[in-house]
Amino acid sequence: MLEQTIHAEYKSVYDCFSEVSYRRITQLVLVLVLTWTAAAAQRTDANVDAQTRQGMVAAEANKLKEAERHFAAAASLAPADPSTRNNYGAI
């Protein structure tokens, strides 16, 4: 009895996945990749903002080497952002 139940459950799970089309699997993979990419971009943006803030605080405290290090980190995280390059160049 237990064997039949396990076999029936296994067969129903197998049948469920065997009916999934290649197109549906591709869609699911695409959704996962886009979700991970968006999450990574948000983390990078947060890191750029944090590095910029730390650079501003260090510059205001006249700790120019520390400010330069933070602005360089922000510029390397977002090289296409002109404000990060401007902050780095100003120090």
C-alpha atoms as a PDB file:
ATOM      1  CA  MET A   1       0.000   0.000   0.000  1.00  0.00           C
ATOM      2  CA  LEU A   2       2.730   2.456   0.952  1.00  0.00           C
ATOM      3  CA  GLU A   3       4.689   1.549  -2.182  1.00  0.00           C
ATOM      4  CA  GLN A   4       1.664   2.255  -4.356  1.00  0.00           C
ATOM      5  CA  THR A   5       1.115   5.621  -2.688  1.00  0.00           C
ATOM      6  CA  ILE A   6       4.746   6.637  -3.162  1.00  0.00           C
ATOM      7  CA  HIS A   7       4.686   5.483  -6.781  1.00  0.00           C
ATOM      8  CA  ALA A   8       1.457   7.407  -7.427  1.00  0.00           C
ATOM      9  CA  GLU A   9       2.905  10.589  -5.876  1.00  0.00           C
ATOM     10  CA  TYR A  10       6.134  10.227  -7.849  1.00  0.00           C
ATOM     11  CA  LYS A  11       4.186   9.704 -11.067  1.00  0.00           C
ATOM     12  CA  SER A  12       2.026  12.781 -10.474  1.00  0.00           C
ATOM     13  CA  VAL A  13       5.085  14.941  -9.834  1.00  0.00           C
ATOM     14  CA  TYR A  14       6.850  13.528 -12.887  1.00  0.00           C
ATOM     15  CA  ASP A  15       3.786  14.109 -15.059  1.00  0.00           C
ATOM     16  CA  CYS A  16       3.560  17.694 -13.858  1.00  0.00           C
ATOM     17  CA  PHE A  17       7.128  18.465 -14.890  1.00  0.00           C
ATOM     18  CA  SER A  18       7.015  16.480 -18.121  1.00  0.00           C
ATOM     19  CA  GLU A  19       4.212  18.755 -19.342  1.00  0.00           C
ATOM     20  CA  VAL A  20       6.277  21.916 -18.856  1.00  0.00           C
ATOM     21  CA  SER A  21       7.294  23.248 -22.219  1.00  0.00           C
ATOM     22  CA  TYR A  22      10.705  24.503 -23.247  1.00  0.00           C
ATOM     23  CA  ARG A  23       9.199  27.972 -23.669  1.00  0.00           C
ATOM     24  CA  ARG A  24       7.866  27.971 -20.087  1.00  0.00           C
ATOM     25  CA  ILE A  25      11.215  26.842 -18.685  1.00  0.00           C
ATOM     26  CA  THR A  26      12.933  29.603 -20.665  1.00  0.00           C
ATOM     27  CA  GLN A  27      10.499  32.155 -19.244  1.00  0.00           C
ATOM     28  CA  LEU A  28      11.132  30.969 -15.700  1.00  0.00           C
ATOM     29  CA  VAL A  29      14.897  31.133 -16.147  1.00  0.00           C
ATOM     30  CA  LEU A  30      14.608  34.627 -17.615  1.00  0.00           C
ATOM     31  CA  VAL A  31      12.516  35.800 -14.654  1.00  0.00           C
ATOM     32  CA  LEU A  32      15.092  34.401 -12.228  1.00  0.00           C
ATOM     33  CA  VAL A  33      18.003  36.048 -14.042  1.00  0.00           C
ATOM     34  CA  LEU A  34      16.239  39.410 -14.228  1.00  0.00           C
ATOM     35  CA  THR A  35      15.319  39.228 -10.550  1.00  0.00           C
ATOM     36  CA  TRP A  36      18.903  38.465  -9.546  1.00  0.00           C
ATOM     37  CA  THR A  37      20.235  41.197 -11.848  1.00  0.00           C
ATOM     38  CA  ALA A  38      17.841  43.787 -10.427  1.00  0.00           C
ATOM     39  CA  ALA A  39      18.779  42.825  -6.879  1.00  0.00           C
ATOM     40  CA  ALA A  40      22.480  43.106  -7.706  1.00  0.00           C
ATOM     41  CA  ALA A  41      21.942  46.526  -9.296  1.00  0.00           C
ATOM     42  CA  GLN A  42      20.147  47.769  -6.176  1.00  0.00           C
ATOM     43  CA  ARG A  43      23.027  46.577  -4.001  1.00  0.00           C
ATOM     44  CA  THR A  44      25.531  48.317  -6.284  1.00  0.00           C
ATOM     45  CA  ASP A  45      23.518  51.554  -6.170  1.00  0.00           C
ATOM     46  CA  ALA A  46      23.400  51.355  -2.389  1.00  0.00           C
ATOM     47  CA  ASN A  47      27.162  50.775  -2.262  1.00  0.00           C
ATOM     48  CA  VAL A  48      27.814  53.735  -4.578  1.00  0.00           C
ATOM     49  CA  ASP A  49      25.664  55.972  -2.396  1.00  0.00           C
ATOM     50  CA  ALA A  50      27.361  54.725   0.769  1.00  0.00           C
ATOM     51  CA  GLN A  51      30.854  55.257  -0.655  1.00  0.00           C
ATOM     52  CA  THR A  52      29.901  58.750  -1.831  1.00  0.00           C
ATOM     53  CA  ARG A  53      28.463  59.676   1.578  1.00  0.00           C
ATOM     54  CA  GLN A  54      31.559  58.378   3.354  1.00  0.00           C
ATOM     55  CA  GLY A  55      33.725  60.349   0.930  1.00  0.00           C
ATOM     56  CA  MET A  56      31.765  63.535   1.610  1.00  0.00           C
ATOM     57  CA  VAL A  57      32.068  63.074   5.373  1.00  0.00           C
ATOM     58  CA  ALA A  58      35.803  62.425   5.087  1.00  0.00           C
ATOM     59  CA  ALA A  59      36.285  65.458   2.799  1.00  0.00           C
ATOM     60  CA  GLU A  60      34.393  67.711   5.216  1.00  0.00           C
ATOM     61  CA  ALA A  61      36.652  66.441   8.023  1.00  0.00           C
ATOM     62  CA  ASN A  62      39.658  67.293   5.801  1.00  0.00           C
ATOM     63  CA  LYS A  63      40.668  63.622   5.598  1.00  0.00           C
ATOM     64  CA  LEU A  64      41.495  63.856   1.922  1.00  0.00           C
ATOM     65  CA  LYS A  65      43.222  60.479   1.490  1.00  0.00           C
ATOM     66  CA  GLU A  66      40.214  58.708   3.002  1.00  0.00           C
ATOM     67  CA  ALA A  67      37.827  60.792   0.903  1.00  0.00           C
ATOM     68  CA  GLU A  68      39.820  59.940  -2.227  1.00  0.00           C
ATOM     69  CA  ARG A  69      39.609  56.241  -1.400  1.00  0.00           C
ATOM     70  CA  HIS A  70      35.811  56.380  -0.984  1.00  0.00           C
ATOM     71  CA  PHE A  71      35.282  58.466  -4.120  1.00  0.00           C
ATOM     72  CA  ALA A  72      37.518  56.077  -6.098  1.00  0.00           C
ATOM     73  CA  ALA A  73      35.456  53.135  -4.854  1.00  0.00           C
ATOM     74  CA  ALA A  74      32.221  54.886  -5.883  1.00  0.00           C
ATOM     75  CA  ALA A  75      33.655  55.720  -9.301  1.00  0.00           C
ATOM     76  CA  SER A  76      34.753  52.126  -9.859  1.00  0.00           C
ATOM     77  CA  LEU A  77      31.276  50.832  -8.917  1.00  0.00           C
ATOM     78  CA  ALA A  78      29.503  53.264 -11.267  1.00  0.00           C
ATOM     79  CA  PRO A  79      31.986  54.345 -13.951  1.00  0.00           C
ATOM     80  CA  ALA A  80      29.235  55.687 -16.230  1.00  0.00           C
ATOM     81  CA  ASP A  81      27.894  58.051 -13.544  1.00  0.00           C
ATOM     82  CA  PRO A  82      29.438  61.492 -14.094  1.00  0.00           C
ATOM     83  CA  SER A  83      28.850  62.590 -10.501  1.00  0.00           C
ATOM     84  CA  THR A  84      31.056  59.810  -9.126  1.00  0.00           C
ATOM     85  CA  ARG A  85      33.879  60.760 -11.488  1.00  0.00           C
ATOM     86  CA  ASN A  86      33.373  64.442 -10.632  1.00  0.00           C
ATOM     87  CA  ASN A  87      33.642  63.766  -6.883  1.00  0.00           C
ATOM     88  CA  TYR A  88      36.761  61.667  -7.414  1.00  0.00           C
ATOM     89  CA  GLY A  89      38.332  64.304  -9.646  1.00  0.00           C
ATOM     90  CA  ALA A  90      37.596  67.108  -7.193  1.00  0.00           C
ATOM     91  CA  ILE A  91      39.771  65.565  -4.499  1.00  0.00           C
END
